[in-house]
Amino acid sequence: MLKKDLGLFLLIVVVGVVVAILNPRFISPINLANTANLVGLFGLFSIGEGFVIITGGIDLAIGSMFALLGVIFIDLLVTWRVEWWLAVPIIVACGVVLGAVHGFLVTRLKLQPFIVTLCGLLIYRGVARYYTNDGTAGFEFGQSFPTLEWMTAGRTFGVPHSFIVFLLVALVMGVLLHRSVFGRYLFAVGKNEEAARYSGIRTGRIIAAAYVISGGLAGLSSIYLAMYTRSISPASHGNFYELYGIAAAVLGGCSLRGGEGSILGIVLGAILLQMLQNLVNLLGIPSSLNFAVMGTVILIGVLADQQLTRLRGRRRL
C-alpha cells in the first residue's frame, strides 16, 4: 500500500510542476488556498466513502444527503433560531442516523449496498425538494454567524479551516483504520466476509459501522458545504458529489472489490482530484468537461488496480 501512496504522491508532484509551468497562477497563494479549501470540503466525505468501499460496498446517497441535511441546517438557524453550536451536532447526528439506516438495510435485510444507497439518493433529494417546496434555502439578508463562519469558512495564516479539519479527521480516521482492531476487522471483512465471519468477527456490525462513519462525515461535510455556498437549491446541491468521493477513494488505492485502501491514499487522491479540476480551469478547458475528467480518472484508477492485482497474482504463482 505504501508503494501506491508513494506513486500517487510523485504523480501529484509531477502534475503540480507541469501545471505550474503551463500556468504560473497555479502556485499563487490565492489559488493554492482556494484549492486547499476545495480539498478540505470534498476530502471530508471522501474518507467516509473510503471506509464503505473497503468493506466492498458503496455509498451513492452522499450528494442527496448534502441537499437534505443542508436545508435542514439552514432552516434550524434561520427559521427556528437554533443556536449554531446546537444545530451542528444535530446535523451530524442526523447523518449518523441515515448511515445507520443504510447499515441496517445492508446487514440485517441483506440488501445490496448499490440498491440501498441509490434509493437513498432518490429519497433524500425528493424529501429535500418537498421540504423547501422546490425553493432555495438560504440565510436572511445581513444575517451572520461570526464564530460558525470563522470555523467553517475562515482561514488561519492563509490556510482554510476546512483543510485543517480535513487533516485532523484524516489523522483520527487513520489511527482508527490502521492502528485499531476495528480497522483490522474492516479489512478482513472486505477481503472475505464469509471467512471473517467464521473467524469470529461480527461482520454485520463492522459493515454497519462503516456506513455510520460515512453518514457522520457526510453530516459534517453538509455543514461546511452549506456555509461555503450560503444557499442551497435542493434540486442541484450536491449533485454527483458522491462521484468525487468514489474517485478520490479509488485514486487513493481503495479497491472496489473491498479489502484495500488507506487514509493517506484517500487524502492524496482528494488532492490530486482537485488539482486536476484546477488544471481544467487554469488551462481554459470548458468546465463542462469536468465530469469527463473525473470519469477518466475513475477509469484509470480501476484499470491500474486491475493491473496491479494481476501482477500480484502472477508473482504468487
C-alpha atoms as a PDB file:
ATOM      1  CA  MET A   1       0.000   0.000   0.000  1.00  0.00           C
ATOM      2  CA  LEU A   2       2.901   2.318   0.774  1.00  0.00           C
ATOM      3  CA  LYS A   3       4.183   1.927  -2.785  1.00  0.00           C
ATOM      4  CA  LYS A   4       0.782   3.033  -4.124  1.00  0.00           C
ATOM      5  CA  ASP A   5       0.769   6.084  -1.856  1.00  0.00           C
ATOM      6  CA  LEU A   6       4.331   6.991  -2.829  1.00  0.00           C
ATOM      7  CA  GLY A   7       3.488   6.632  -6.520  1.00  0.00           C
ATOM      8  CA  LEU A   8       0.411   8.834  -6.060  1.00  0.00           C
ATOM      9  CA  PHE A   9       2.473  11.458  -4.219  1.00  0.00           C
ATOM     10  CA  LEU A  10       5.033  11.534  -7.041  1.00  0.00           C
ATOM     11  CA  LEU A  11       2.186  11.876  -9.557  1.00  0.00           C
ATOM     12  CA  ILE A  12       0.841  14.861  -7.617  1.00  0.00           C
ATOM     13  CA  VAL A  13       4.298  16.476  -7.669  1.00  0.00           C
ATOM     14  CA  VAL A  14       4.672  15.881 -11.426  1.00  0.00           C
ATOM     15  CA  VAL A  15       1.181  17.217 -12.200  1.00  0.00           C
ATOM     16  CA  GLY A  16       1.822  20.244  -9.961  1.00  0.00           C
ATOM     17  CA  VAL A  17       5.109  21.059 -11.688  1.00  0.00           C
ATOM     18  CA  VAL A  18       3.594  20.664 -15.165  1.00  0.00           C
ATOM     19  CA  VAL A  19       0.573  22.844 -14.326  1.00  0.00           C
ATOM     20  CA  ALA A  20       2.809  25.493 -12.703  1.00  0.00           C
ATOM     21  CA  ILE A  21       4.927  25.626 -15.880  1.00  0.00           C
ATOM     22  CA  LEU A  22       1.856  25.881 -18.127  1.00  0.00           C
ATOM     23  CA  ASN A  23       0.225  28.491 -15.915  1.00  0.00           C
ATOM     24  CA  PRO A  24       2.232  30.145 -13.092  1.00  0.00           C
ATOM     25  CA  ARG A  25      -1.016  31.246 -11.439  1.00  0.00           C
ATOM     26  CA  PHE A  26      -1.318  27.700 -10.133  1.00  0.00           C
ATOM     27  CA  ILE A  27       1.244  28.386  -7.393  1.00  0.00           C
ATOM     28  CA  SER A  28      -0.159  31.787  -6.431  1.00  0.00           C
ATOM     29  CA  PRO A  29      -1.171  31.953  -2.730  1.00  0.00           C
ATOM     30  CA  ILE A  30      -4.798  32.700  -3.604  1.00  0.00           C
ATOM     31  CA  ASN A  31      -5.128  29.734  -5.954  1.00  0.00           C
ATOM     32  CA  LEU A  32      -3.363  27.371  -3.551  1.00  0.00           C
ATOM     33  CA  ALA A  33      -5.633  28.481  -0.697  1.00  0.00           C
ATOM     34  CA  ASN A  34      -8.776  28.072  -2.806  1.00  0.00           C
ATOM     35  CA  THR A  35      -7.641  24.630  -3.952  1.00  0.00           C
ATOM     36  CA  ALA A  36      -6.865  23.624  -0.354  1.00  0.00           C
ATOM     37  CA  ASN A  37     -10.350  24.750   0.657  1.00  0.00           C
ATOM     38  CA  LEU A  38     -11.922  22.525  -2.006  1.00  0.00           C
ATOM     39  CA  VAL A  39      -9.667  19.624  -0.997  1.00  0.00           C
ATOM     40  CA  GLY A  40     -10.970  20.002   2.549  1.00  0.00           C
ATOM     41  CA  LEU A  41     -14.617  20.247   1.501  1.00  0.00           C
ATOM     42  CA  PHE A  42     -14.521  17.203  -0.781  1.00  0.00           C
ATOM     43  CA  GLY A  43     -11.938  15.249   1.185  1.00  0.00           C
ATOM     44  CA  LEU A  44     -14.053  15.050   4.345  1.00  0.00           C
ATOM     45  CA  PHE A  45     -16.783  12.889   2.866  1.00  0.00           C
ATOM     46  CA  SER A  46     -14.289  11.028   0.647  1.00  0.00           C
ATOM     47  CA  ILE A  47     -12.833   9.475   3.795  1.00  0.00           C
ATOM     48  CA  GLY A  48     -16.268   8.167   4.774  1.00  0.00           C
ATOM     49  CA  GLU A  49     -16.797   6.840   1.258  1.00  0.00           C
ATOM     50  CA  GLY A  50     -13.424   5.099   1.515  1.00  0.00           C
ATOM     51  CA  PHE A  51     -14.479   3.244   4.673  1.00  0.00           C
ATOM     52  CA  VAL A  52     -17.568   1.895   2.890  1.00  0.00           C
ATOM     53  CA  ILE A  53     -15.596   0.911  -0.218  1.00  0.00           C
ATOM     54  CA  ILE A  54     -13.078  -1.006   1.919  1.00  0.00           C
ATOM     55  CA  THR A  55     -15.971  -3.221   3.086  1.00  0.00           C
ATOM     56  CA  GLY A  56     -16.782  -3.954  -0.556  1.00  0.00           C
ATOM     57  CA  GLY A  57     -19.814  -1.655  -0.522  1.00  0.00           C
ATOM     58  CA  ILE A  58     -20.574   1.758  -1.967  1.00  0.00           C
ATOM     59  CA  ASP A  59     -22.465   4.877  -0.852  1.00  0.00           C
ATOM     60  CA  LEU A  60     -24.315   6.695  -3.635  1.00  0.00           C
ATOM     61  CA  ALA A  61     -26.561   8.732  -1.327  1.00  0.00           C
ATOM     62  CA  ILE A  62     -23.965  11.233  -0.075  1.00  0.00           C
ATOM     63  CA  GLY A  63     -24.799  14.010  -2.559  1.00  0.00           C
ATOM     64  CA  SER A  64     -28.508  13.875  -1.750  1.00  0.00           C
ATOM     65  CA  MET A  65     -27.708  13.828   1.973  1.00  0.00           C
ATOM     66  CA  PHE A  66     -25.933  17.149   1.475  1.00  0.00           C
ATOM     67  CA  ALA A  67     -29.115  18.605  -0.011  1.00  0.00           C
ATOM     68  CA  LEU A  68     -31.400  17.277   2.733  1.00  0.00           C
ATOM     69  CA  LEU A  69     -29.146  17.947   5.727  1.00  0.00           C
ATOM     70  CA  GLY A  70     -28.078  21.294   4.273  1.00  0.00           C
ATOM     71  CA  VAL A  71     -31.605  22.684   4.029  1.00  0.00           C
ATOM     72  CA  ILE A  72     -32.429  21.356   7.500  1.00  0.00           C
ATOM     73  CA  PHE A  73     -29.292  23.029   8.880  1.00  0.00           C
ATOM     74  CA  ILE A  74     -30.153  26.387   7.331  1.00  0.00           C
ATOM     75  CA  ASP A  75     -33.771  26.052   8.459  1.00  0.00           C
ATOM     76  CA  LEU A  76     -32.664  25.387  12.034  1.00  0.00           C
ATOM     77  CA  LEU A  77     -30.549  28.543  12.026  1.00  0.00           C
ATOM     78  CA  VAL A  78     -32.878  30.863  10.086  1.00  0.00           C
ATOM     79  CA  THR A  79     -36.442  29.750  10.853  1.00  0.00           C
ATOM     80  CA  TRP A  80     -36.151  28.053  14.216  1.00  0.00           C
ATOM     81  CA  ARG A  81     -33.365  30.319  15.515  1.00  0.00           C
ATOM     82  CA  VAL A  82     -31.478  27.362  16.987  1.00  0.00           C
ATOM     83  CA  GLU A  83     -28.004  28.238  18.259  1.00  0.00           C
ATOM     84  CA  TRP A  84     -25.313  27.115  15.829  1.00  0.00           C
ATOM     85  CA  TRP A  85     -23.455  25.110  18.492  1.00  0.00           C
ATOM     86  CA  LEU A  86     -26.626  23.036  18.922  1.00  0.00           C
ATOM     87  CA  ALA A  87     -27.540  22.848  15.217  1.00  0.00           C
ATOM     88  CA  VAL A  88     -24.115  21.441  14.246  1.00  0.00           C
ATOM     89  CA  PRO A  89     -24.306  18.268  16.398  1.00  0.00           C
ATOM     90  CA  ILE A  90     -27.960  17.795  15.390  1.00  0.00           C
ATOM     91  CA  ILE A  91     -26.993  17.664  11.705  1.00  0.00           C
ATOM     92  CA  VAL A  92     -24.037  15.365  12.347  1.00  0.00           C
ATOM     93  CA  ALA A  93     -26.346  13.114  14.389  1.00  0.00           C
ATOM     94  CA  CYS A  94     -28.852  13.094  11.512  1.00  0.00           C
ATOM     95  CA  GLY A  95     -26.060  11.961   9.198  1.00  0.00           C
ATOM     96  CA  VAL A  96     -25.150   9.191  11.644  1.00  0.00           C
ATOM     97  CA  VAL A  97     -28.801   8.062  11.751  1.00  0.00           C
ATOM     98  CA  LEU A  98     -29.043   7.927   7.954  1.00  0.00           C
ATOM     99  CA  GLY A  99     -25.793   5.981   7.840  1.00  0.00           C
ATOM    100  CA  ALA A 100     -27.145   3.581  10.471  1.00  0.00           C
ATOM    101  CA  VAL A 101     -30.274   3.051   8.356  1.00  0.00           C
ATOM    102  CA  HIS A 102     -28.093   2.180   5.364  1.00  0.00           C
ATOM    103  CA  GLY A 103     -26.067  -0.205   7.515  1.00  0.00           C
ATOM    104  CA  PHE A 104     -29.211  -1.865   8.874  1.00  0.00           C
ATOM    105  CA  LEU A 105     -30.683  -2.414   5.410  1.00  0.00           C
ATOM    106  CA  VAL A 106     -27.393  -3.827   4.092  1.00  0.00           C
ATOM    107  CA  THR A 107     -26.525  -6.083   7.029  1.00  0.00           C
ATOM    108  CA  ARG A 108     -29.891  -7.101   8.503  1.00  0.00           C
ATOM    109  CA  LEU A 109     -32.138  -7.176   5.454  1.00  0.00           C
ATOM    110  CA  LYS A 110     -29.275  -8.311   3.189  1.00  0.00           C
ATOM    111  CA  LEU A 111     -29.969  -5.702   0.512  1.00  0.00           C
ATOM    112  CA  GLN A 112     -27.277  -4.736  -1.976  1.00  0.00           C
ATOM    113  CA  PRO A 113     -25.404  -1.541  -0.970  1.00  0.00           C
ATOM    114  CA  PHE A 114     -25.855  -0.193  -4.502  1.00  0.00           C
ATOM    115  CA  ILE A 115     -29.656  -0.533  -4.270  1.00  0.00           C
ATOM    116  CA  VAL A 116     -29.892   0.805  -0.716  1.00  0.00           C
ATOM    117  CA  THR A 117     -27.853   3.936  -1.356  1.00  0.00           C
ATOM    118  CA  LEU A 118     -29.367   4.501  -4.811  1.00  0.00           C
ATOM    119  CA  CYS A 119     -32.801   4.560  -3.182  1.00  0.00           C
ATOM    120  CA  GLY A 120     -31.373   6.932  -0.563  1.00  0.00           C
ATOM    121  CA  LEU A 121     -30.077   9.173  -3.356  1.00  0.00           C
ATOM    122  CA  LEU A 122     -33.602   9.482  -4.764  1.00  0.00           C
ATOM    123  CA  ILE A 123     -35.477   9.648  -1.462  1.00  0.00           C
ATOM    124  CA  TYR A 124     -33.325  12.262   0.287  1.00  0.00           C
ATOM    125  CA  ARG A 125     -33.290  14.633  -2.657  1.00  0.00           C
ATOM    126  CA  GLY A 126     -37.037  14.238  -3.108  1.00  0.00           C
ATOM    127  CA  VAL A 127     -37.640  14.963   0.592  1.00  0.00           C
ATOM    128  CA  ALA A 128     -35.321  17.991   0.426  1.00  0.00           C
ATOM    129  CA  ARG A 129     -37.233  19.398  -2.536  1.00  0.00           C
ATOM    130  CA  TYR A 130     -40.553  18.813  -0.774  1.00  0.00           C
ATOM    131  CA  TYR A 131     -39.192  20.338   2.445  1.00  0.00           C
ATOM    132  CA  THR A 132     -38.420  23.626   0.671  1.00  0.00           C
ATOM    133  CA  ASN A 133     -41.372  23.406  -1.739  1.00  0.00           C
ATOM    134  CA  ASP A 134     -38.758  23.165  -4.516  1.00  0.00           C
ATOM    135  CA  GLY A 135     -37.394  26.544  -3.483  1.00  0.00           C
ATOM    136  CA  THR A 136     -33.961  27.707  -2.380  1.00  0.00           C
ATOM    137  CA  ALA A 137     -32.903  27.680   1.254  1.00  0.00           C
ATOM    138  CA  GLY A 138     -30.593  30.491   2.292  1.00  0.00           C
ATOM    139  CA  PHE A 139     -29.662  32.900   5.031  1.00  0.00           C
ATOM    140  CA  GLU A 140     -31.585  36.119   5.551  1.00  0.00           C
ATOM    141  CA  PHE A 141     -30.095  39.397   4.318  1.00  0.00           C
ATOM    142  CA  GLY A 142     -27.484  40.637   6.761  1.00  0.00           C
ATOM    143  CA  GLN A 143     -27.711  37.511   8.892  1.00  0.00           C
ATOM    144  CA  SER A 144     -24.345  36.270  10.054  1.00  0.00           C
ATOM    145  CA  PHE A 145     -22.851  33.765  12.468  1.00  0.00           C
ATOM    146  CA  PRO A 146     -19.310  35.074  13.055  1.00  0.00           C
ATOM    147  CA  THR A 147     -17.971  32.134  15.079  1.00  0.00           C
ATOM    148  CA  LEU A 148     -19.522  29.495  12.830  1.00  0.00           C
ATOM    149  CA  GLU A 149     -18.346  31.307   9.704  1.00  0.00           C
ATOM    150  CA  TRP A 150     -14.823  31.573  11.115  1.00  0.00           C
ATOM    151  CA  MET A 151     -14.768  27.865  11.972  1.00  0.00           C
ATOM    152  CA  THR A 152     -16.082  26.712   8.574  1.00  0.00           C
ATOM    153  CA  ALA A 153     -15.070  29.317   6.011  1.00  0.00           C
ATOM    154  CA  GLY A 154     -12.304  31.161   7.846  1.00  0.00           C
ATOM    155  CA  ARG A 155      -8.537  30.857   7.474  1.00  0.00           C
ATOM    156  CA  THR A 156      -5.549  30.838   9.804  1.00  0.00           C
ATOM    157  CA  PHE A 157      -2.281  32.100   8.330  1.00  0.00           C
ATOM    158  CA  GLY A 158      -3.909  31.709   4.906  1.00  0.00           C
ATOM    159  CA  VAL A 159      -4.779  28.041   5.462  1.00  0.00           C
ATOM    160  CA  PRO A 160      -8.540  27.310   5.118  1.00  0.00           C
ATOM    161  CA  HIS A 161     -10.103  25.809   8.220  1.00  0.00           C
ATOM    162  CA  SER A 162     -11.906  23.248   6.056  1.00  0.00           C
ATOM    163  CA  PHE A 163      -8.495  21.885   5.044  1.00  0.00           C
ATOM    164  CA  ILE A 164      -7.260  21.864   8.648  1.00  0.00           C
ATOM    165  CA  VAL A 165     -10.368  19.975   9.813  1.00  0.00           C
ATOM    166  CA  PHE A 166      -9.937  17.551   6.913  1.00  0.00           C
ATOM    167  CA  LEU A 167      -6.371  16.769   8.017  1.00  0.00           C
ATOM    168  CA  LEU A 168      -7.456  16.346  11.654  1.00  0.00           C
ATOM    169  CA  VAL A 169     -10.277  13.991  10.659  1.00  0.00           C
ATOM    170  CA  ALA A 170      -7.872  12.108   8.382  1.00  0.00           C
ATOM    171  CA  LEU A 171      -5.448  11.713  11.299  1.00  0.00           C
ATOM    172  CA  VAL A 172      -8.153  10.338  13.621  1.00  0.00           C
ATOM    173  CA  MET A 173      -9.560   8.043  10.938  1.00  0.00           C
ATOM    174  CA  GLY A 174      -6.043   6.924  10.021  1.00  0.00           C
ATOM    175  CA  VAL A 175      -5.462   5.746  13.594  1.00  0.00           C
ATOM    176  CA  LEU A 176      -8.880   4.045  13.593  1.00  0.00           C
ATOM    177  CA  LEU A 177      -8.280   2.271  10.289  1.00  0.00           C
ATOM    178  CA  HIS A 178      -4.606   1.341  10.590  1.00  0.00           C
ATOM    179  CA  ARG A 179      -3.934   1.146  14.325  1.00  0.00           C
ATOM    180  CA  SER A 180      -7.058  -0.451  15.820  1.00  0.00           C
ATOM    181  CA  VAL A 181      -8.761  -3.822  15.990  1.00  0.00           C
ATOM    182  CA  PHE A 182     -11.749  -2.315  14.181  1.00  0.00           C
ATOM    183  CA  GLY A 183      -9.514  -1.398  11.252  1.00  0.00           C
ATOM    184  CA  ARG A 184      -8.099  -4.909  11.005  1.00  0.00           C
ATOM    185  CA  TYR A 185     -11.604  -6.350  11.103  1.00  0.00           C
ATOM    186  CA  LEU A 186     -12.727  -3.888   8.427  1.00  0.00           C
ATOM    187  CA  PHE A 187     -10.017  -5.055   6.027  1.00  0.00           C
ATOM    188  CA  ALA A 188     -10.745  -8.690   6.858  1.00  0.00           C
ATOM    189  CA  VAL A 189     -14.444  -8.245   6.086  1.00  0.00           C
ATOM    190  CA  GLY A 190     -13.632  -6.504   2.814  1.00  0.00           C
ATOM    191  CA  LYS A 191     -11.228  -9.262   1.766  1.00  0.00           C
ATOM    192  CA  ASN A 192     -13.548 -12.161   2.540  1.00  0.00           C
ATOM    193  CA  GLU A 193     -16.695 -11.560   4.566  1.00  0.00           C
ATOM    194  CA  GLU A 194     -17.530 -15.253   4.955  1.00  0.00           C
ATOM    195  CA  ALA A 195     -14.047 -16.156   6.193  1.00  0.00           C
ATOM    196  CA  ALA A 196     -14.142 -13.202   8.592  1.00  0.00           C
ATOM    197  CA  ARG A 197     -17.485 -14.406   9.963  1.00  0.00           C
ATOM    198  CA  TYR A 198     -16.149 -17.924  10.533  1.00  0.00           C
ATOM    199  CA  SER A 199     -13.153 -16.472  12.364  1.00  0.00           C
ATOM    200  CA  GLY A 200     -15.487 -14.913  14.932  1.00  0.00           C
ATOM    201  CA  ILE A 201     -15.759 -11.356  13.588  1.00  0.00           C
ATOM    202  CA  ARG A 202     -19.229  -9.823  13.825  1.00  0.00           C
ATOM    203  CA  THR A 203     -19.184  -8.763  10.213  1.00  0.00           C
ATOM    204  CA  GLY A 204     -22.607  -7.136  10.295  1.00  0.00           C
ATOM    205  CA  ARG A 205     -21.550  -4.686  12.993  1.00  0.00           C
ATOM    206  CA  ILE A 206     -18.300  -3.853  11.218  1.00  0.00           C
ATOM    207  CA  ILE A 207     -20.053  -3.130   7.913  1.00  0.00           C
ATOM    208  CA  ALA A 208     -22.802  -1.118   9.636  1.00  0.00           C
ATOM    209  CA  ALA A 209     -20.133   0.909  11.466  1.00  0.00           C
ATOM    210  CA  ALA A 210     -18.545   1.832   8.121  1.00  0.00           C
ATOM    211  CA  TYR A 211     -21.868   3.257   6.900  1.00  0.00           C
ATOM    212  CA  VAL A 212     -22.340   5.109  10.207  1.00  0.00           C
ATOM    213  CA  ILE A 213     -18.886   6.700   9.803  1.00  0.00           C
ATOM    214  CA  SER A 214     -19.729   7.646   6.220  1.00  0.00           C
ATOM    215  CA  GLY A 215     -23.044   9.170   7.318  1.00  0.00           C
ATOM    216  CA  GLY A 216     -21.437  11.120  10.173  1.00  0.00           C
ATOM    217  CA  LEU A 217     -18.762  12.600   7.913  1.00  0.00           C
ATOM    218  CA  ALA A 218     -21.442  13.396   5.311  1.00  0.00           C
ATOM    219  CA  GLY A 219     -23.351  15.281   8.030  1.00  0.00           C
ATOM    220  CA  LEU A 220     -20.227  17.251   8.939  1.00  0.00           C
ATOM    221  CA  SER A 221     -19.497  17.934   5.267  1.00  0.00           C
ATOM    222  CA  SER A 222     -23.043  19.170   4.686  1.00  0.00           C
ATOM    223  CA  ILE A 223     -22.428  21.935   7.244  1.00  0.00           C
ATOM    224  CA  TYR A 224     -19.196  23.038   5.575  1.00  0.00           C
ATOM    225  CA  LEU A 225     -20.797  22.943   2.128  1.00  0.00           C
ATOM    226  CA  ALA A 226     -23.830  24.919   3.330  1.00  0.00           C
ATOM    227  CA  MET A 227     -21.604  27.624   4.818  1.00  0.00           C
ATOM    228  CA  TYR A 228     -19.484  27.616   1.646  1.00  0.00           C
ATOM    229  CA  THR A 229     -22.396  28.066  -0.792  1.00  0.00           C
ATOM    230  CA  ARG A 230     -24.541  30.183   1.629  1.00  0.00           C
ATOM    231  CA  SER A 231     -27.677  28.960  -0.170  1.00  0.00           C
ATOM    232  CA  ILE A 232     -28.984  25.566  -1.227  1.00  0.00           C
ATOM    233  CA  SER A 233     -31.126  24.600  -4.182  1.00  0.00           C
ATOM    234  CA  PRO A 234     -32.229  21.030  -3.314  1.00  0.00           C
ATOM    235  CA  ALA A 235     -32.620  20.073  -6.977  1.00  0.00           C
ATOM    236  CA  SER A 236     -28.927  20.593  -7.713  1.00  0.00           C
ATOM    237  CA  HIS A 237     -26.970  20.976  -4.453  1.00  0.00           C
ATOM    238  CA  GLY A 238     -24.526  18.100  -4.057  1.00  0.00           C
ATOM    239  CA  ASN A 239     -25.352  16.557  -7.435  1.00  0.00           C
ATOM    240  CA  PHE A 240     -22.767  13.886  -8.333  1.00  0.00           C
ATOM    241  CA  TYR A 241     -20.652  14.726  -5.271  1.00  0.00           C
ATOM    242  CA  GLU A 242     -20.666  11.044  -4.375  1.00  0.00           C
ATOM    243  CA  LEU A 243     -18.632  10.513  -7.543  1.00  0.00           C
ATOM    244  CA  TYR A 244     -15.931  12.838  -6.204  1.00  0.00           C
ATOM    245  CA  GLY A 245     -15.767  10.709  -3.072  1.00  0.00           C
ATOM    246  CA  ILE A 246     -15.589   7.477  -5.065  1.00  0.00           C
ATOM    247  CA  ALA A 247     -12.951   8.931  -7.398  1.00  0.00           C
ATOM    248  CA  ALA A 248     -10.778  10.160  -4.508  1.00  0.00           C
ATOM    249  CA  ALA A 249     -11.020   6.785  -2.762  1.00  0.00           C
ATOM    250  CA  VAL A 250     -10.269   4.797  -5.931  1.00  0.00           C
ATOM    251  CA  LEU A 251      -7.371   7.092  -6.799  1.00  0.00           C
ATOM    252  CA  GLY A 252      -6.120   6.606  -3.264  1.00  0.00           C
ATOM    253  CA  GLY A 253      -5.898   2.855  -3.693  1.00  0.00           C
ATOM    254  CA  CYS A 254      -9.277   1.708  -2.352  1.00  0.00           C
ATOM    255  CA  SER A 255     -10.272  -1.347  -4.370  1.00  0.00           C
ATOM    256  CA  LEU A 256     -13.927  -1.521  -5.391  1.00  0.00           C
ATOM    257  CA  ARG A 257     -13.709  -5.243  -4.613  1.00  0.00           C
ATOM    258  CA  GLY A 258     -13.035  -4.323  -0.981  1.00  0.00           C
ATOM    259  CA  GLY A 259     -10.262  -5.143   1.463  1.00  0.00           C
ATOM    260  CA  GLU A 260      -7.774  -2.499   0.318  1.00  0.00           C
ATOM    261  CA  GLY A 261      -7.233   1.180   0.976  1.00  0.00           C
ATOM    262  CA  SER A 262      -5.507   3.721   3.193  1.00  0.00           C
ATOM    263  CA  ILE A 263      -6.374   7.100   4.666  1.00  0.00           C
ATOM    264  CA  LEU A 264      -3.154   8.608   3.322  1.00  0.00           C
ATOM    265  CA  GLY A 265      -4.111   7.364  -0.129  1.00  0.00           C
ATOM    266  CA  ILE A 266      -7.575   8.943   0.123  1.00  0.00           C
ATOM    267  CA  VAL A 267      -6.003  12.245   1.221  1.00  0.00           C
ATOM    268  CA  LEU A 268      -3.642  12.159  -1.760  1.00  0.00           C
ATOM    269  CA  GLY A 269      -6.498  11.111  -4.051  1.00  0.00           C
ATOM    270  CA  ALA A 270      -8.591  14.091  -2.926  1.00  0.00           C
ATOM    271  CA  ILE A 271      -5.636  16.424  -3.516  1.00  0.00           C
ATOM    272  CA  LEU A 272      -4.950  15.031  -6.993  1.00  0.00           C
ATOM    273  CA  LEU A 273      -8.614  15.207  -7.968  1.00  0.00           C
ATOM    274  CA  GLN A 274      -8.868  18.889  -7.064  1.00  0.00           C
ATOM    275  CA  MET A 275      -5.558  19.600  -8.792  1.00  0.00           C
ATOM    276  CA  LEU A 276      -6.983  18.103 -11.969  1.00  0.00           C
ATOM    277  CA  GLN A 277     -10.139  20.200 -11.570  1.00  0.00           C
ATOM    278  CA  ASN A 278      -7.937  23.250 -11.084  1.00  0.00           C
ATOM    279  CA  LEU A 279      -5.960  22.265 -14.173  1.00  0.00           C
ATOM    280  CA  VAL A 280      -9.156  22.267 -16.223  1.00  0.00           C
ATOM    281  CA  ASN A 281      -9.980  25.800 -15.039  1.00  0.00           C
ATOM    282  CA  LEU A 282      -6.486  27.291 -15.395  1.00  0.00           C
ATOM    283  CA  LEU A 283      -5.898  25.928 -18.898  1.00  0.00           C
ATOM    284  CA  GLY A 284      -9.199  27.322 -20.140  1.00  0.00           C
ATOM    285  CA  ILE A 285     -10.712  23.890 -20.782  1.00  0.00           C
ATOM    286  CA  PRO A 286     -14.547  24.146 -20.823  1.00  0.00           C
ATOM    287  CA  SER A 287     -15.964  23.465 -17.356  1.00  0.00           C
ATOM    288  CA  SER A 288     -18.488  21.140 -18.990  1.00  0.00           C
ATOM    289  CA  LEU A 289     -15.612  18.661 -19.319  1.00  0.00           C
ATOM    290  CA  ASN A 290     -15.171  18.441 -15.532  1.00  0.00           C
ATOM    291  CA  PHE A 291     -17.225  15.259 -15.308  1.00  0.00           C
ATOM    292  CA  ALA A 292     -15.379  13.819 -18.305  1.00  0.00           C
ATOM    293  CA  VAL A 293     -12.102  14.399 -16.477  1.00  0.00           C
ATOM    294  CA  MET A 294     -13.495  12.798 -13.323  1.00  0.00           C
ATOM    295  CA  GLY A 295     -14.837   9.799 -15.244  1.00  0.00           C
ATOM    296  CA  THR A 296     -11.477   9.324 -16.933  1.00  0.00           C
ATOM    297  CA  VAL A 297      -9.728   9.485 -13.569  1.00  0.00           C
ATOM    298  CA  ILE A 298     -12.006   6.789 -12.106  1.00  0.00           C
ATOM    299  CA  LEU A 299     -11.478   4.587 -15.166  1.00  0.00           C
ATOM    300  CA  ILE A 300      -7.698   4.948 -14.984  1.00  0.00           C
ATOM    301  CA  GLY A 301      -7.785   4.169 -11.270  1.00  0.00           C
ATOM    302  CA  VAL A 302      -9.827   0.992 -11.779  1.00  0.00           C
ATOM    303  CA  LEU A 303      -7.618  -0.139 -14.664  1.00  0.00           C
ATOM    304  CA  ALA A 304      -4.479   0.456 -12.589  1.00  0.00           C
ATOM    305  CA  ASP A 305      -6.000  -1.520  -9.705  1.00  0.00           C
ATOM    306  CA  GLN A 306      -6.780  -4.438 -12.051  1.00  0.00           C
ATOM    307  CA  GLN A 307      -3.269  -4.489 -13.464  1.00  0.00           C
ATOM    308  CA  LEU A 308      -1.692  -4.427 -10.001  1.00  0.00           C
ATOM    309  CA  THR A 309      -3.949  -7.305  -8.899  1.00  0.00           C
ATOM    310  CA  ARG A 310      -2.928  -9.363 -11.931  1.00  0.00           C
ATOM    311  CA  LEU A 311       0.771  -8.677 -11.324  1.00  0.00           C
ATOM    312  CA  ARG A 312       0.440  -9.798  -7.707  1.00  0.00           C
ATOM    313  CA  GLY A 313      -1.346 -12.968  -8.840  1.00  0.00           C
ATOM    314  CA  ARG A 314       1.458 -13.805 -11.276  1.00  0.00           C
ATOM    315  CA  ARG A 315       4.128 -13.248  -8.624  1.00  0.00           C
ATOM    316  CA  ARG A 316       2.349 -15.636  -6.254  1.00  0.00           C
ATOM    317  CA  LEU A 317       2.244 -18.259  -8.985  1.00  0.00           C
END
